Amino acid sequence: MKKNAAQPFLAKRLKEKRRKIDLIDQKLLGLLNQRLRIALEMGKIKKQTGTKFYDRKREKEVLERLRLRLRSRNKRFLRERDVKKIFATIIRVCRRSQR
């Protein structure tokens, strides 16, 4: 009986959590678009200067900086390998857009 009484409350909480995730997703999409826009501008500069599109050293620096930040500020919600995969994918997509 208690389970049924709690269901409307839990359904409302679930709906609120989903709304919050939707807002976060919207913000993430906006930030990803900003990042891509900057990457496109960088691609133009790289073409003009003859600079290689892929800079392994820079990519490693970015991933290392994120790893260190994760260790210092994260409450261990995100796993290091997952953050690396996420940002490696973001970097790869931005790099491909520069060509």
N, C-alpha and C. Protein backbone atom coordinates (compact mmCIF):
# COMPACT_ATOMS: atom_id res chain seq x y z
N MET A 1 0.81 -1.19 0.00
CA MET A 1 0.00 0.00 0.00
C MET A 1 0.87 1.26 0.00
N LYS A 2 1.91 1.28 0.79
CA LYS A 2 2.79 2.45 0.84
C LYS A 2 3.45 2.70 -0.51
N LYS A 3 3.78 1.62 -1.20
CA LYS A 3 4.42 1.75 -2.51
C LYS A 3 3.52 2.52 -3.48
N ASN A 4 2.26 2.19 -3.52
CA ASN A 4 1.31 2.86 -4.42
C ASN A 4 1.12 4.32 -4.06
N ALA A 5 1.12 4.62 -2.78
CA ALA A 5 0.94 6.00 -2.33
C ALA A 5 2.13 6.87 -2.74
N ALA A 6 3.30 6.29 -2.81
CA ALA A 6 4.51 7.04 -3.16
C ALA A 6 4.69 7.21 -4.66
N GLN A 7 4.01 6.42 -5.44
CA GLN A 7 4.23 6.45 -6.88
C GLN A 7 3.96 7.81 -7.53
N PRO A 8 2.89 8.51 -7.21
CA PRO A 8 2.69 9.84 -7.83
C PRO A 8 3.82 10.81 -7.47
N PHE A 9 4.26 10.76 -6.24
CA PHE A 9 5.37 11.62 -5.80
C PHE A 9 6.64 11.27 -6.56
N LEU A 10 6.92 9.96 -6.67
CA LEU A 10 8.12 9.53 -7.37
C LEU A 10 8.04 9.85 -8.86
N ALA A 11 6.87 9.71 -9.44
CA ALA A 11 6.68 10.03 -10.85
C ALA A 11 6.95 11.52 -11.09
N LYS A 12 6.50 12.34 -10.15
CA LYS A 12 6.74 13.78 -10.26
C LYS A 12 8.23 14.09 -10.14
N ARG A 13 8.90 13.45 -9.20
CA ARG A 13 10.35 13.65 -9.04
C ARG A 13 11.10 13.22 -10.29
N LEU A 14 10.69 12.09 -10.86
CA LEU A 14 11.33 11.59 -12.08
C LEU A 14 11.15 12.59 -13.22
N LYS A 15 9.97 13.13 -13.34
CA LYS A 15 9.69 14.11 -14.39
C LYS A 15 10.56 15.35 -14.20
N GLU A 16 10.71 15.81 -12.96
CA GLU A 16 11.56 16.97 -12.67
C GLU A 16 13.02 16.68 -13.01
N LYS A 17 13.49 15.49 -12.69
CA LYS A 17 14.88 15.12 -13.00
C LYS A 17 15.09 15.08 -14.51
N ARG A 18 14.13 14.55 -15.22
CA ARG A 18 14.24 14.49 -16.69
C ARG A 18 14.28 15.90 -17.29
N ARG A 19 13.49 16.80 -16.72
CA ARG A 19 13.47 18.19 -17.19
C ARG A 19 14.85 18.82 -16.96
N LYS A 20 15.44 18.56 -15.81
CA LYS A 20 16.77 19.09 -15.53
C LYS A 20 17.81 18.53 -16.50
N ILE A 21 17.72 17.25 -16.80
CA ILE A 21 18.65 16.65 -17.76
C ILE A 21 18.45 17.25 -19.14
N ASP A 22 17.21 17.49 -19.52
CA ASP A 22 16.95 18.13 -20.81
C ASP A 22 17.60 19.50 -20.90
N LEU A 23 17.53 20.27 -19.82
CA LEU A 23 18.16 21.60 -19.79
C LEU A 23 19.68 21.50 -19.88
N ILE A 24 20.24 20.54 -19.18
CA ILE A 24 21.69 20.33 -19.25
C ILE A 24 22.10 19.92 -20.65
N ASP A 25 21.33 19.01 -21.27
CA ASP A 25 21.63 18.60 -22.64
C ASP A 25 21.61 19.78 -23.59
N GLN A 26 20.64 20.67 -23.39
CA GLN A 26 20.54 21.87 -24.23
C GLN A 26 21.79 22.74 -24.06
N LYS A 27 22.24 22.91 -22.82
CA LYS A 27 23.46 23.70 -22.57
C LYS A 27 24.68 23.03 -23.17
N LEU A 28 24.77 21.70 -23.01
CA LEU A 28 25.90 20.97 -23.59
C LEU A 28 25.94 21.14 -25.11
N LEU A 29 24.79 21.04 -25.74
CA LEU A 29 24.73 21.20 -27.20
C LEU A 29 25.20 22.59 -27.61
N GLY A 30 24.78 23.60 -26.86
CA GLY A 30 25.23 24.96 -27.15
C GLY A 30 26.73 25.10 -27.01
N LEU A 31 27.29 24.53 -25.96
CA LEU A 31 28.74 24.59 -25.74
C LEU A 31 29.50 23.82 -26.82
N LEU A 32 28.96 22.67 -27.22
CA LEU A 32 29.61 21.91 -28.29
C LEU A 32 29.60 22.68 -29.60
N ASN A 33 28.51 23.37 -29.88
CA ASN A 33 28.45 24.19 -31.09
C ASN A 33 29.44 25.34 -31.03
N GLN A 34 29.59 25.95 -29.86
CA GLN A 34 30.59 27.02 -29.69
C GLN A 34 31.98 26.47 -29.95
N ARG A 35 32.27 25.30 -29.40
CA ARG A 35 33.59 24.70 -29.57
C ARG A 35 33.85 24.40 -31.04
N LEU A 36 32.84 23.87 -31.71
CA LEU A 36 32.99 23.54 -33.13
C LEU A 36 33.20 24.79 -33.97
N ARG A 37 32.49 25.86 -33.65
CA ARG A 37 32.66 27.12 -34.37
C ARG A 37 34.11 27.61 -34.26
N ILE A 38 34.66 27.54 -33.06
CA ILE A 38 36.06 27.95 -32.85
C ILE A 38 37.00 27.01 -33.61
N ALA A 39 36.71 25.72 -33.59
CA ALA A 39 37.54 24.76 -34.33
C ALA A 39 37.53 25.05 -35.82
N LEU A 40 36.37 25.45 -36.35
CA LEU A 40 36.30 25.81 -37.77
C LEU A 40 37.17 27.02 -38.07
N GLU A 41 37.15 28.00 -37.18
CA GLU A 41 38.00 29.18 -37.35
C GLU A 41 39.48 28.77 -37.29
N MET A 42 39.79 27.87 -36.39
CA MET A 42 41.17 27.38 -36.29
C MET A 42 41.58 26.65 -37.57
N GLY A 43 40.64 25.90 -38.14
CA GLY A 43 40.92 25.18 -39.38
C GLY A 43 41.29 26.13 -40.50
N LYS A 44 40.59 27.25 -40.58
CA LYS A 44 40.91 28.26 -41.60
C LYS A 44 42.32 28.80 -41.40
N ILE A 45 42.64 29.07 -40.14
CA ILE A 45 43.99 29.59 -39.84
C ILE A 45 45.05 28.54 -40.17
N LYS A 46 44.77 27.30 -39.84
CA LYS A 46 45.73 26.22 -40.14
C LYS A 46 45.94 26.09 -41.64
N LYS A 47 44.87 26.19 -42.42
CA LYS A 47 45.01 26.12 -43.88
C LYS A 47 45.88 27.26 -44.39
N GLN A 48 45.63 28.46 -43.87
CA GLN A 48 46.37 29.63 -44.33
C GLN A 48 47.85 29.56 -43.96
N THR A 49 48.14 28.94 -42.83
CA THR A 49 49.53 28.89 -42.36
C THR A 49 50.23 27.59 -42.71
N GLY A 50 49.49 26.64 -43.28
CA GLY A 50 50.08 25.36 -43.63
C GLY A 50 50.35 24.48 -42.41
N THR A 51 49.66 24.75 -41.33
CA THR A 51 49.82 23.97 -40.10
C THR A 51 49.03 22.67 -40.20
N LYS A 52 49.59 21.60 -39.66
CA LYS A 52 48.89 20.31 -39.67
C LYS A 52 47.61 20.41 -38.85
N PHE A 53 46.59 19.67 -39.31
CA PHE A 53 45.32 19.67 -38.60
C PHE A 53 45.40 18.88 -37.31
N TYR A 54 46.20 17.82 -37.32
CA TYR A 54 46.31 16.97 -36.14
C TYR A 54 47.59 17.29 -35.40
N ASP A 55 47.45 17.68 -34.16
CA ASP A 55 48.58 17.99 -33.30
C ASP A 55 48.51 17.06 -32.09
N ARG A 56 49.20 15.95 -32.20
CA ARG A 56 49.16 14.92 -31.15
C ARG A 56 49.57 15.48 -29.79
N LYS A 57 50.59 16.33 -29.79
CA LYS A 57 51.07 16.90 -28.53
C LYS A 57 49.97 17.74 -27.87
N ARG A 58 49.31 18.57 -28.66
CA ARG A 58 48.25 19.43 -28.13
C ARG A 58 47.09 18.59 -27.61
N GLU A 59 46.72 17.55 -28.33
CA GLU A 59 45.62 16.69 -27.89
C GLU A 59 45.97 16.02 -26.56
N LYS A 60 47.19 15.55 -26.43
CA LYS A 60 47.62 14.94 -25.17
C LYS A 60 47.59 15.95 -24.03
N GLU A 61 48.00 17.19 -24.31
CA GLU A 61 47.97 18.24 -23.29
C GLU A 61 46.54 18.51 -22.82
N VAL A 62 45.61 18.58 -23.76
CA VAL A 62 44.21 18.83 -23.43
C VAL A 62 43.68 17.70 -22.56
N LEU A 63 43.91 16.46 -22.97
CA LEU A 63 43.40 15.32 -22.22
C LEU A 63 44.04 15.22 -20.84
N GLU A 64 45.32 15.55 -20.75
CA GLU A 64 46.00 15.52 -19.45
C GLU A 64 45.45 16.61 -18.53
N ARG A 65 45.23 17.79 -19.07
CA ARG A 65 44.66 18.89 -18.27
C ARG A 65 43.28 18.50 -17.73
N LEU A 66 42.48 17.87 -18.57
CA LEU A 66 41.16 17.43 -18.14
C LEU A 66 41.26 16.33 -17.08
N ARG A 67 42.22 15.44 -17.26
CA ARG A 67 42.42 14.35 -16.29
C ARG A 67 42.78 14.93 -14.92
N LEU A 68 43.69 15.90 -14.91
CA LEU A 68 44.10 16.51 -13.64
C LEU A 68 42.94 17.26 -13.00
N ARG A 69 42.18 17.96 -13.82
CA ARG A 69 41.02 18.69 -13.29
C ARG A 69 39.99 17.73 -12.72
N LEU A 70 39.81 16.63 -13.39
CA LEU A 70 38.87 15.61 -12.92
C LEU A 70 39.29 15.09 -11.55
N ARG A 71 40.57 14.83 -11.40
CA ARG A 71 41.06 14.31 -10.12
C ARG A 71 40.93 15.33 -9.00
N SER A 72 41.11 16.60 -9.32
CA SER A 72 41.09 17.61 -8.26
C SER A 72 39.68 18.09 -7.90
N ARG A 73 38.75 18.01 -8.83
CA ARG A 73 37.43 18.60 -8.58
C ARG A 73 36.27 17.62 -8.64
N ASN A 74 36.48 16.49 -9.20
CA ASN A 74 35.40 15.54 -9.40
C ASN A 74 35.18 14.73 -8.12
N LYS A 75 33.96 14.49 -7.81
CA LYS A 75 33.62 13.67 -6.66
C LYS A 75 33.49 12.20 -7.07
N ARG A 76 34.19 11.87 -8.14
CA ARG A 76 34.26 10.50 -8.68
C ARG A 76 32.96 10.03 -9.31
N PHE A 77 32.16 10.96 -9.77
CA PHE A 77 30.98 10.56 -10.53
C PHE A 77 31.41 10.11 -11.91
N LEU A 78 32.35 10.84 -12.49
CA LEU A 78 32.84 10.51 -13.82
C LEU A 78 34.13 9.70 -13.68
N ARG A 79 34.19 8.65 -14.47
CA ARG A 79 35.42 7.86 -14.48
C ARG A 79 36.39 8.46 -15.48
N GLU A 80 37.65 8.37 -15.14
CA GLU A 80 38.70 8.96 -15.97
C GLU A 80 38.63 8.46 -17.41
N ARG A 81 38.48 7.18 -17.59
CA ARG A 81 38.47 6.61 -18.95
C ARG A 81 37.25 7.10 -19.74
N ASP A 82 36.12 7.32 -19.04
CA ASP A 82 34.93 7.81 -19.73
C ASP A 82 35.12 9.26 -20.18
N VAL A 83 35.72 10.07 -19.32
CA VAL A 83 35.99 11.47 -19.68
C VAL A 83 36.95 11.51 -20.86
N LYS A 84 37.95 10.65 -20.83
CA LYS A 84 38.91 10.60 -21.94
C LYS A 84 38.21 10.23 -23.25
N LYS A 85 37.33 9.25 -23.20
CA LYS A 85 36.58 8.85 -24.41
C LYS A 85 35.70 9.99 -24.91
N ILE A 86 34.99 10.64 -24.00
CA ILE A 86 34.09 11.73 -24.38
C ILE A 86 34.87 12.85 -25.06
N PHE A 87 35.95 13.29 -24.42
CA PHE A 87 36.70 14.42 -24.98
C PHE A 87 37.52 14.02 -26.20
N ALA A 88 38.00 12.79 -26.26
CA ALA A 88 38.69 12.35 -27.47
C ALA A 88 37.73 12.38 -28.66
N THR A 89 36.48 12.00 -28.43
CA THR A 89 35.48 12.05 -29.49
C THR A 89 35.18 13.50 -29.89
N ILE A 90 35.02 14.37 -28.91
CA ILE A 90 34.76 15.79 -29.20
C ILE A 90 35.91 16.37 -30.01
N ILE A 91 37.13 16.09 -29.60
CA ILE A 91 38.31 16.60 -30.30
C ILE A 91 38.35 16.06 -31.73
N ARG A 92 38.08 14.78 -31.90
CA ARG A 92 38.11 14.15 -33.23
C ARG A 92 37.06 14.79 -34.15
N VAL A 93 35.86 15.01 -33.64
CA VAL A 93 34.79 15.62 -34.45
C VAL A 93 35.20 17.04 -34.85
N CYS A 94 35.75 17.80 -33.92
CA CYS A 94 36.18 19.17 -34.23
C CYS A 94 37.32 19.16 -35.24
N ARG A 95 38.26 18.24 -35.09
CA ARG A 95 39.38 18.15 -36.02
C ARG A 95 38.90 17.83 -37.43
N ARG A 96 37.96 16.88 -37.54
CA ARG A 96 37.43 16.51 -38.86
C ARG A 96 36.72 17.69 -39.52
N SER A 97 36.08 18.52 -38.72
CA SER A 97 35.36 19.66 -39.28
C SER A 97 36.31 20.73 -39.84
N GLN A 98 37.56 20.68 -39.40
CA GLN A 98 38.53 21.71 -39.85
C GLN A 98 38.98 21.48 -41.29
N ARG A 99 38.81 20.32 -41.81
CA ARG A 99 39.33 19.99 -43.13
C ARG A 99 38.48 20.54 -44.25
